[in-house]
């Protein structure tokens, strides 16, 4: 048996995980964000569907599930794809540095 630890980083790329019959699964949020899964029924505890995780938070809770999810032979050998959306993702083309906006007053035409 091995624990498959999946780091959730500042990347928005899909998270792909392949597990075997005796593997357990654990997610560790390196940054805060929202985890989304459609594979709830394959794992115990059930994977969350839209769960906010804080930075350094482990799912499932390491206190209650120190080895991660329970092994599931029916989930073995399959690749699962999860979505991780880190907090603070900026839209492309935006900058985080302050700047000055210049507005031309122009002239209004008479009609």
N, C-alpha and C. Protein backbone atom coordinates (compact mmCIF):
# COMPACT_ATOMS: atom_id res chain seq x y z
N UNK A 1 0.84 -1.18 0.00
CA UNK A 1 0.00 0.00 0.00
C UNK A 1 0.89 1.23 0.00
N UNK A 2 0.50 2.23 -0.78
CA UNK A 2 1.23 3.49 -0.78
C UNK A 2 0.23 4.64 -0.80
N UNK A 3 0.66 5.76 -0.24
CA UNK A 3 -0.16 6.97 -0.25
C UNK A 3 0.25 7.78 -1.46
N UNK A 4 -0.70 8.06 -2.33
CA UNK A 4 -0.46 8.92 -3.48
C UNK A 4 -0.81 10.34 -3.02
N UNK A 5 0.23 11.15 -2.81
CA UNK A 5 0.04 12.52 -2.35
C UNK A 5 0.06 13.43 -3.57
N UNK A 6 -1.01 14.18 -3.75
CA UNK A 6 -1.15 15.06 -4.91
C UNK A 6 -1.04 16.51 -4.45
N UNK A 7 0.03 17.21 -4.84
CA UNK A 7 0.14 18.62 -4.47
C UNK A 7 -0.76 19.47 -5.37
N UNK A 8 -1.52 20.36 -4.77
CA UNK A 8 -2.36 21.29 -5.52
C UNK A 8 -1.63 22.63 -5.51
N UNK A 9 -1.11 23.02 -6.67
CA UNK A 9 -0.24 24.18 -6.79
C UNK A 9 -0.99 25.37 -7.38
N UNK A 10 -0.23 26.36 -7.83
CA UNK A 10 -0.85 27.53 -8.46
C UNK A 10 -1.15 27.30 -9.94
N UNK A 11 -0.99 26.09 -10.40
CA UNK A 11 -1.29 25.74 -11.79
C UNK A 11 -2.79 25.49 -11.97
N UNK A 12 -3.31 25.87 -13.10
CA UNK A 12 -4.72 25.61 -13.42
C UNK A 12 -4.87 24.40 -14.33
N UNK A 13 -3.77 23.71 -14.62
CA UNK A 13 -3.81 22.52 -15.47
C UNK A 13 -4.61 21.42 -14.76
N UNK A 14 -5.34 20.59 -15.51
CA UNK A 14 -6.06 19.49 -14.88
C UNK A 14 -5.11 18.59 -14.08
N UNK A 15 -5.58 18.09 -12.96
CA UNK A 15 -4.78 17.22 -12.11
C UNK A 15 -5.14 15.79 -12.46
N UNK A 16 -4.18 15.01 -12.96
CA UNK A 16 -4.42 13.62 -13.34
C UNK A 16 -3.72 12.69 -12.37
N UNK A 17 -4.46 11.70 -11.90
CA UNK A 17 -3.92 10.76 -10.91
C UNK A 17 -4.30 9.35 -11.33
N UNK A 18 -3.32 8.43 -11.31
CA UNK A 18 -3.56 7.02 -11.54
C UNK A 18 -3.24 6.28 -10.24
N UNK A 19 -4.17 5.45 -9.79
CA UNK A 19 -3.93 4.72 -8.54
C UNK A 19 -4.12 3.23 -8.76
N UNK A 20 -3.53 2.45 -7.87
CA UNK A 20 -3.65 0.99 -7.92
C UNK A 20 -4.57 0.52 -6.79
N UNK A 21 -4.86 -0.77 -6.76
CA UNK A 21 -5.87 -1.33 -5.86
C UNK A 21 -5.60 -1.06 -4.38
N UNK A 22 -4.34 -1.00 -3.99
CA UNK A 22 -4.04 -0.81 -2.56
C UNK A 22 -3.61 0.62 -2.23
N UNK A 23 -3.62 1.51 -3.21
CA UNK A 23 -3.20 2.88 -2.98
C UNK A 23 -4.28 3.68 -2.26
N UNK A 24 -3.82 4.66 -1.49
CA UNK A 24 -4.71 5.65 -0.90
C UNK A 24 -4.38 6.99 -1.55
N UNK A 25 -5.28 7.95 -1.42
CA UNK A 25 -5.13 9.22 -2.10
C UNK A 25 -5.24 10.36 -1.11
N UNK A 26 -4.37 11.35 -1.25
CA UNK A 26 -4.40 12.50 -0.37
C UNK A 26 -4.01 13.74 -1.18
N UNK A 27 -4.75 14.83 -1.00
CA UNK A 27 -4.47 16.08 -1.69
C UNK A 27 -3.93 17.09 -0.68
N UNK A 28 -2.89 17.82 -1.07
CA UNK A 28 -2.31 18.85 -0.21
C UNK A 28 -2.30 20.16 -0.99
N UNK A 29 -3.03 21.14 -0.45
CA UNK A 29 -3.13 22.45 -1.11
C UNK A 29 -1.90 23.28 -0.77
N UNK A 30 -1.04 23.50 -1.75
CA UNK A 30 0.13 24.36 -1.52
C UNK A 30 -0.26 25.83 -1.57
N UNK A 31 -1.38 26.10 -2.25
CA UNK A 31 -1.98 27.43 -2.27
C UNK A 31 -3.48 27.22 -2.05
N UNK A 32 -4.18 28.25 -1.63
CA UNK A 32 -5.63 28.12 -1.43
C UNK A 32 -6.33 28.08 -2.78
N UNK A 33 -7.50 27.44 -2.81
CA UNK A 33 -8.25 27.34 -4.05
C UNK A 33 -9.47 26.46 -3.88
N UNK A 34 -10.04 26.05 -5.01
CA UNK A 34 -11.25 25.22 -5.01
C UNK A 34 -10.97 23.94 -5.78
N UNK A 35 -11.26 22.81 -5.14
CA UNK A 35 -11.08 21.48 -5.71
C UNK A 35 -12.43 21.00 -6.22
N UNK A 36 -12.45 20.44 -7.43
CA UNK A 36 -13.69 19.92 -8.01
C UNK A 36 -13.44 18.51 -8.52
N UNK A 37 -14.38 17.62 -8.20
CA UNK A 37 -14.27 16.23 -8.64
C UNK A 37 -15.64 15.70 -9.04
N UNK A 38 -15.62 14.80 -10.01
CA UNK A 38 -16.86 14.10 -10.39
C UNK A 38 -16.76 12.62 -10.05
N UNK A 39 -15.74 12.24 -9.29
CA UNK A 39 -15.50 10.82 -8.99
C UNK A 39 -15.80 10.49 -7.53
N UNK A 40 -16.74 11.13 -6.93
CA UNK A 40 -17.01 10.97 -5.50
C UNK A 40 -17.22 9.52 -5.10
N UNK A 41 -17.96 8.76 -5.89
CA UNK A 41 -18.34 7.41 -5.47
C UNK A 41 -17.19 6.41 -5.44
N UNK A 42 -16.07 6.73 -6.05
CA UNK A 42 -14.95 5.79 -6.09
C UNK A 42 -14.06 5.86 -4.86
N UNK A 43 -14.27 6.85 -4.01
CA UNK A 43 -13.36 7.08 -2.90
C UNK A 43 -14.12 7.22 -1.58
N UNK A 44 -13.46 6.81 -0.50
CA UNK A 44 -14.04 6.96 0.83
C UNK A 44 -12.98 7.58 1.72
N UNK A 45 -13.21 8.74 2.28
CA UNK A 45 -14.45 9.51 2.16
C UNK A 45 -14.63 9.99 0.73
N UNK A 46 -15.88 10.31 0.40
CA UNK A 46 -16.19 10.75 -0.97
C UNK A 46 -15.42 12.03 -1.30
N UNK A 47 -14.87 12.07 -2.50
CA UNK A 47 -14.18 13.27 -2.93
C UNK A 47 -15.17 14.43 -2.99
N UNK A 48 -14.74 15.61 -2.56
CA UNK A 48 -15.65 16.76 -2.58
C UNK A 48 -15.90 17.24 -4.01
N UNK A 49 -17.08 17.81 -4.24
CA UNK A 49 -17.37 18.31 -5.57
C UNK A 49 -16.97 19.78 -5.72
N UNK A 50 -17.18 20.64 -4.88
CA UNK A 50 -16.68 22.01 -4.97
C UNK A 50 -16.25 22.39 -3.56
N UNK A 51 -15.00 22.11 -3.25
CA UNK A 51 -14.51 22.31 -1.88
C UNK A 51 -13.39 23.32 -1.88
N UNK A 52 -13.54 24.36 -1.07
CA UNK A 52 -12.47 25.33 -0.88
C UNK A 52 -11.46 24.75 0.09
N UNK A 53 -10.20 24.87 -0.27
CA UNK A 53 -9.12 24.42 0.61
C UNK A 53 -8.21 25.61 0.90
N UNK A 54 -7.78 25.70 2.13
CA UNK A 54 -6.84 26.75 2.52
C UNK A 54 -5.42 26.29 2.19
N UNK A 55 -4.52 27.26 2.13
CA UNK A 55 -3.11 26.93 1.90
C UNK A 55 -2.63 25.98 2.99
N UNK A 56 -1.93 24.93 2.60
CA UNK A 56 -1.38 23.89 3.47
C UNK A 56 -2.44 22.95 4.05
N UNK A 57 -3.68 23.05 3.63
CA UNK A 57 -4.72 22.14 4.10
C UNK A 57 -4.61 20.81 3.36
N UNK A 58 -4.86 19.73 4.06
CA UNK A 58 -4.82 18.39 3.48
C UNK A 58 -6.24 17.84 3.40
N UNK A 59 -6.56 17.23 2.27
CA UNK A 59 -7.84 16.55 2.13
C UNK A 59 -7.56 15.11 1.73
N UNK A 60 -8.17 14.10 2.34
CA UNK A 60 -9.06 14.26 3.49
C UNK A 60 -8.28 14.67 4.73
N UNK A 61 -8.98 15.16 5.71
CA UNK A 61 -8.41 15.66 6.94
C UNK A 61 -7.41 14.64 7.49
N UNK A 62 -6.16 15.08 7.64
CA UNK A 62 -5.09 14.17 8.07
C UNK A 62 -5.28 13.67 9.50
N UNK A 63 -6.04 14.39 10.30
CA UNK A 63 -6.30 13.93 11.67
C UNK A 63 -7.19 12.70 11.65
N UNK A 64 -8.25 12.76 10.85
CA UNK A 64 -9.20 11.64 10.78
C UNK A 64 -8.77 10.56 9.79
N UNK A 65 -8.04 10.95 8.76
CA UNK A 65 -7.60 10.02 7.71
C UNK A 65 -6.11 10.21 7.45
N UNK A 66 -5.25 9.79 8.38
CA UNK A 66 -3.81 10.03 8.23
C UNK A 66 -3.20 9.35 7.01
N UNK A 67 -3.85 8.31 6.50
CA UNK A 67 -3.33 7.61 5.32
C UNK A 67 -4.07 7.99 4.05
N UNK A 68 -4.94 8.99 4.12
CA UNK A 68 -5.69 9.41 2.94
C UNK A 68 -6.97 8.61 2.79
N UNK A 69 -7.48 8.55 1.57
CA UNK A 69 -8.70 7.80 1.30
C UNK A 69 -8.45 6.31 1.52
N UNK A 70 -9.51 5.57 1.65
CA UNK A 70 -9.37 4.12 1.78
C UNK A 70 -9.07 3.50 0.41
N UNK A 71 -8.29 2.42 0.36
CA UNK A 71 -8.03 1.76 -0.93
C UNK A 71 -9.34 1.25 -1.54
N UNK A 72 -9.40 1.27 -2.86
CA UNK A 72 -10.59 0.79 -3.56
C UNK A 72 -10.15 -0.01 -4.77
N UNK A 73 -10.29 -1.36 -4.73
CA UNK A 73 -9.85 -2.17 -5.86
C UNK A 73 -10.60 -1.86 -7.15
N UNK A 74 -11.82 -1.32 -7.05
CA UNK A 74 -12.59 -0.99 -8.25
C UNK A 74 -12.06 0.26 -8.95
N UNK A 75 -11.30 1.07 -8.22
CA UNK A 75 -10.74 2.29 -8.80
C UNK A 75 -9.35 2.04 -9.38
N UNK A 76 -8.82 0.85 -9.20
CA UNK A 76 -7.44 0.55 -9.57
C UNK A 76 -7.17 0.63 -11.07
N UNK A 77 -5.99 1.15 -11.39
CA UNK A 77 -5.53 1.17 -12.77
C UNK A 77 -6.19 2.21 -13.65
N UNK A 78 -7.01 3.05 -13.07
CA UNK A 78 -7.70 4.08 -13.85
C UNK A 78 -7.05 5.43 -13.58
N UNK A 79 -7.15 6.31 -14.57
CA UNK A 79 -6.66 7.66 -14.41
C UNK A 79 -7.84 8.57 -14.15
N UNK A 80 -7.73 9.34 -13.10
CA UNK A 80 -8.80 10.27 -12.72
C UNK A 80 -8.31 11.69 -12.94
N UNK A 81 -9.18 12.54 -13.46
CA UNK A 81 -8.84 13.93 -13.71
C UNK A 81 -9.68 14.81 -12.80
N UNK A 82 -8.99 15.68 -12.08
CA UNK A 82 -9.64 16.59 -11.16
C UNK A 82 -9.35 18.02 -11.58
N UNK A 83 -10.17 18.94 -11.10
CA UNK A 83 -9.97 20.35 -11.40
C UNK A 83 -9.55 21.07 -10.13
N UNK A 84 -8.53 21.88 -10.25
CA UNK A 84 -8.06 22.71 -9.14
C UNK A 84 -7.98 24.15 -9.64
N UNK A 85 -8.70 25.05 -8.98
CA UNK A 85 -8.69 26.45 -9.35
C UNK A 85 -8.08 27.25 -8.20
N UNK A 86 -6.82 27.64 -8.33
CA UNK A 86 -6.17 28.41 -7.27
C UNK A 86 -6.84 29.76 -7.10
N UNK A 87 -6.89 30.25 -5.86
CA UNK A 87 -7.42 31.59 -5.60
C UNK A 87 -6.51 32.62 -6.23
N UNK A 88 -7.09 33.75 -6.62
CA UNK A 88 -6.28 34.87 -7.11
C UNK A 88 -5.79 34.72 -8.52
N UNK A 89 -6.41 33.84 -9.30
CA UNK A 89 -5.99 33.72 -10.70
C UNK A 89 -6.40 34.98 -11.45
N UNK A 90 -5.45 35.59 -12.13
CA UNK A 90 -5.74 36.80 -12.88
C UNK A 90 -6.08 36.46 -14.31
N UNK A 91 -6.86 37.32 -14.91
CA UNK A 91 -7.16 37.14 -16.32
C UNK A 91 -5.92 37.50 -17.12
N UNK A 92 -5.72 36.86 -18.27
CA UNK A 92 -4.55 37.17 -19.08
C UNK A 92 -4.51 38.65 -19.46
N UNK A 93 -3.32 39.21 -19.49
CA UNK A 93 -3.16 40.60 -19.92
C UNK A 93 -3.27 41.60 -18.78
N UNK A 94 -3.68 41.18 -17.60
CA UNK A 94 -3.76 42.11 -16.48
C UNK A 94 -2.43 42.13 -15.76
N UNK A 95 -2.14 43.25 -15.16
CA UNK A 95 -0.89 43.36 -14.42
C UNK A 95 -1.19 43.61 -12.95
N UNK A 96 -0.30 43.15 -12.09
CA UNK A 96 -0.52 43.35 -10.67
C UNK A 96 0.16 44.62 -10.18
N UNK A 97 0.93 45.29 -11.05
CA UNK A 97 1.60 46.51 -10.63
C UNK A 97 0.71 47.71 -10.88
N UNK A 98 0.70 48.66 -9.95
CA UNK A 98 -0.15 49.84 -10.15
C UNK A 98 0.38 50.69 -11.29
N UNK A 99 -0.52 51.41 -11.91
CA UNK A 99 -0.13 52.26 -13.02
C UNK A 99 -1.00 53.50 -13.05
N UNK A 100 -0.80 54.31 -14.04
CA UNK A 100 -1.57 55.55 -14.19
C UNK A 100 -2.39 55.44 -15.46
N UNK A 101 -3.63 55.80 -15.34
CA UNK A 101 -4.50 55.82 -16.52
C UNK A 101 -4.60 57.28 -16.99
N UNK A 102 -4.25 57.52 -18.23
CA UNK A 102 -4.34 58.88 -18.80
C UNK A 102 -5.61 58.96 -19.63
N UNK A 103 -6.39 60.01 -19.34
CA UNK A 103 -7.64 60.21 -20.06
C UNK A 103 -7.56 61.53 -20.79
N UNK A 104 -7.84 61.50 -22.08
CA UNK A 104 -7.84 62.73 -22.89
C UNK A 104 -9.22 63.36 -22.74
N UNK A 105 -9.25 64.63 -22.32
CA UNK A 105 -10.54 65.29 -22.11
C UNK A 105 -11.26 65.53 -23.43
N UNK A 106 -10.54 65.73 -24.49
CA UNK A 106 -11.15 65.90 -25.79
C UNK A 106 -12.06 67.11 -25.83
N UNK A 107 -12.83 67.23 -26.89
CA UNK A 107 -13.81 68.30 -27.01
C UNK A 107 -15.14 67.72 -27.39
N UNK A 108 -16.17 68.32 -26.89
CA UNK A 108 -17.50 67.84 -27.24
C UNK A 108 -18.01 68.62 -28.43
N UNK A 109 -18.56 67.96 -29.38
CA UNK A 109 -19.08 68.63 -30.56
C UNK A 109 -20.48 69.19 -30.29
N UNK A 110 -20.85 70.21 -31.02
CA UNK A 110 -22.19 70.76 -30.91
C UNK A 110 -23.08 70.09 -31.93
N UNK A 111 -24.28 69.77 -31.51
CA UNK A 111 -25.18 69.18 -32.48
C UNK A 111 -26.38 70.02 -32.68
